[in-house]
Amino acid sequence: MLRYRKYGSSLGEATITNAAYVLGHSYLQKQNYKAAQNSFSEIASTNYSTQANGVQQDAFVRLADCYFM
């Protein structure tokens, strides 16, 4: 997953954003909140608009969870 994020490209649903989200969610489940925070911050730092996709919107919520924990 980390290698894909570094060298990957978009191919359908397999995007860098989705890879960062899945990795962040995995870290969150393992209670590695700092690593999860880094993954979700990567998504949250992209251009946000009111038309943000569901992954980006959920990344904001998960990032808040990381700060809370």
C-alpha atoms as a PDB file:
ATOM      1  CA  MET A   1       0.000   0.000   0.000  1.00  0.00           C
ATOM      2  CA  LEU A   2       2.769   2.429   0.884  1.00  0.00           C
ATOM      3  CA  ARG A   3       4.586   1.641  -2.365  1.00  0.00           C
ATOM      4  CA  TYR A   4       1.385   2.241  -4.347  1.00  0.00           C
ATOM      5  CA  ARG A   5       0.924   5.621  -2.677  1.00  0.00           C
ATOM      6  CA  LYS A   6       4.471   6.569  -3.637  1.00  0.00           C
ATOM      7  CA  TYR A   7       4.487   5.322  -7.240  1.00  0.00           C
ATOM      8  CA  GLY A   8       0.840   4.602  -8.044  1.00  0.00           C
ATOM      9  CA  SER A   9      -1.485   6.182 -10.526  1.00  0.00           C
ATOM     10  CA  SER A  10      -5.240   6.434 -10.891  1.00  0.00           C
ATOM     11  CA  LEU A  11      -6.989   3.403 -12.281  1.00  0.00           C
ATOM     12  CA  GLY A  12     -10.728   3.444 -11.714  1.00  0.00           C
ATOM     13  CA  GLU A  13     -11.391   3.385  -7.987  1.00  0.00           C
ATOM     14  CA  ALA A  14      -7.738   2.636  -7.236  1.00  0.00           C
ATOM     15  CA  THR A  15      -6.483   6.160  -6.592  1.00  0.00           C
ATOM     16  CA  ILE A  16      -3.886   7.683  -4.318  1.00  0.00           C
ATOM     17  CA  THR A  17      -6.685   9.233  -2.240  1.00  0.00           C
ATOM     18  CA  ASN A  18      -8.463   5.912  -1.766  1.00  0.00           C
ATOM     19  CA  ALA A  19      -5.172   4.203  -0.899  1.00  0.00           C
ATOM     20  CA  ALA A  20      -4.436   6.858   1.740  1.00  0.00           C
ATOM     21  CA  TYR A  21      -7.945   6.441   3.147  1.00  0.00           C
ATOM     22  CA  VAL A  22      -7.707   2.653   3.375  1.00  0.00           C
ATOM     23  CA  LEU A  23      -4.279   2.882   4.982  1.00  0.00           C
ATOM     24  CA  GLY A  24      -5.492   5.509   7.444  1.00  0.00           C
ATOM     25  CA  HIS A  25      -8.531   3.444   8.319  1.00  0.00           C
ATOM     26  CA  SER A  26      -6.315   0.405   8.907  1.00  0.00           C
ATOM     27  CA  TYR A  27      -4.077   2.410  11.223  1.00  0.00           C
ATOM     28  CA  LEU A  28      -7.157   3.698  13.041  1.00  0.00           C
ATOM     29  CA  GLN A  29      -8.415   0.155  13.586  1.00  0.00           C
ATOM     30  CA  LYS A  30      -4.991  -0.815  14.968  1.00  0.00           C
ATOM     31  CA  GLN A  31      -5.169   2.212  17.303  1.00  0.00           C
ATOM     32  CA  ASN A  32      -2.089   3.769  15.682  1.00  0.00           C
ATOM     33  CA  TYR A  33      -3.633   7.234  15.790  1.00  0.00           C
ATOM     34  CA  LYS A  34      -0.559   9.234  14.772  1.00  0.00           C
ATOM     35  CA  ALA A  35      -0.050   7.205  11.566  1.00  0.00           C
ATOM     36  CA  ALA A  36      -3.785   7.373  10.835  1.00  0.00           C
ATOM     37  CA  GLN A  37      -3.701  11.121  11.378  1.00  0.00           C
ATOM     38  CA  ASN A  38      -0.915  11.450   8.797  1.00  0.00           C
ATOM     39  CA  SER A  39      -2.893   9.474   6.198  1.00  0.00           C
ATOM     40  CA  PHE A  40      -6.130  11.371   6.755  1.00  0.00           C
ATOM     41  CA  SER A  41      -4.289  14.707   6.797  1.00  0.00           C
ATOM     42  CA  GLU A  42      -2.943  13.932   3.340  1.00  0.00           C
ATOM     43  CA  ILE A  43      -6.502  13.621   2.052  1.00  0.00           C
ATOM     44  CA  ALA A  44      -7.823  16.592   4.016  1.00  0.00           C
ATOM     45  CA  SER A  45      -5.050  18.856   2.750  1.00  0.00           C
ATOM     46  CA  THR A  46      -6.191  18.534  -0.869  1.00  0.00           C
ATOM     47  CA  ASN A  47      -8.460  21.229  -2.268  1.00  0.00           C
ATOM     48  CA  TYR A  48     -11.739  21.065  -0.402  1.00  0.00           C
ATOM     49  CA  SER A  49     -14.973  22.280  -1.860  1.00  0.00           C
ATOM     50  CA  THR A  50     -18.642  21.808  -1.146  1.00  0.00           C
ATOM     51  CA  GLN A  51     -18.538  19.221  -3.924  1.00  0.00           C
ATOM     52  CA  ALA A  52     -15.938  17.069  -2.114  1.00  0.00           C
ATOM     53  CA  ASN A  53     -16.337  13.351  -2.668  1.00  0.00           C
ATOM     54  CA  GLY A  54     -17.421  10.979   0.083  1.00  0.00           C
ATOM     55  CA  VAL A  55     -13.902   9.742   0.766  1.00  0.00           C
ATOM     56  CA  GLN A  56     -12.640  13.245   1.460  1.00  0.00           C
ATOM     57  CA  GLN A  57     -15.635  14.100   3.622  1.00  0.00           C
ATOM     58  CA  ASP A  58     -15.202  10.933   5.663  1.00  0.00           C
ATOM     59  CA  ALA A  59     -11.457  11.611   5.973  1.00  0.00           C
ATOM     60  CA  PHE A  60     -12.301  14.839   7.821  1.00  0.00           C
ATOM     61  CA  VAL A  61     -14.407  12.882  10.316  1.00  0.00           C
ATOM     62  CA  ARG A  62     -11.726  10.214  10.766  1.00  0.00           C
ATOM     63  CA  LEU A  63      -9.081  12.900  11.213  1.00  0.00           C
ATOM     64  CA  ALA A  64     -11.177  14.402  13.999  1.00  0.00           C
ATOM     65  CA  ASP A  65     -11.381  10.923  15.558  1.00  0.00           C
ATOM     66  CA  CYS A  66      -7.574  10.752  15.545  1.00  0.00           C
ATOM     67  CA  TYR A  67      -7.292  14.116  17.287  1.00  0.00           C
ATOM     68  CA  PHE A  68      -9.914  13.037  19.825  1.00  0.00           C
ATOM     69  CA  MET A  69      -8.155   9.796  20.688  1.00  0.00           C
END
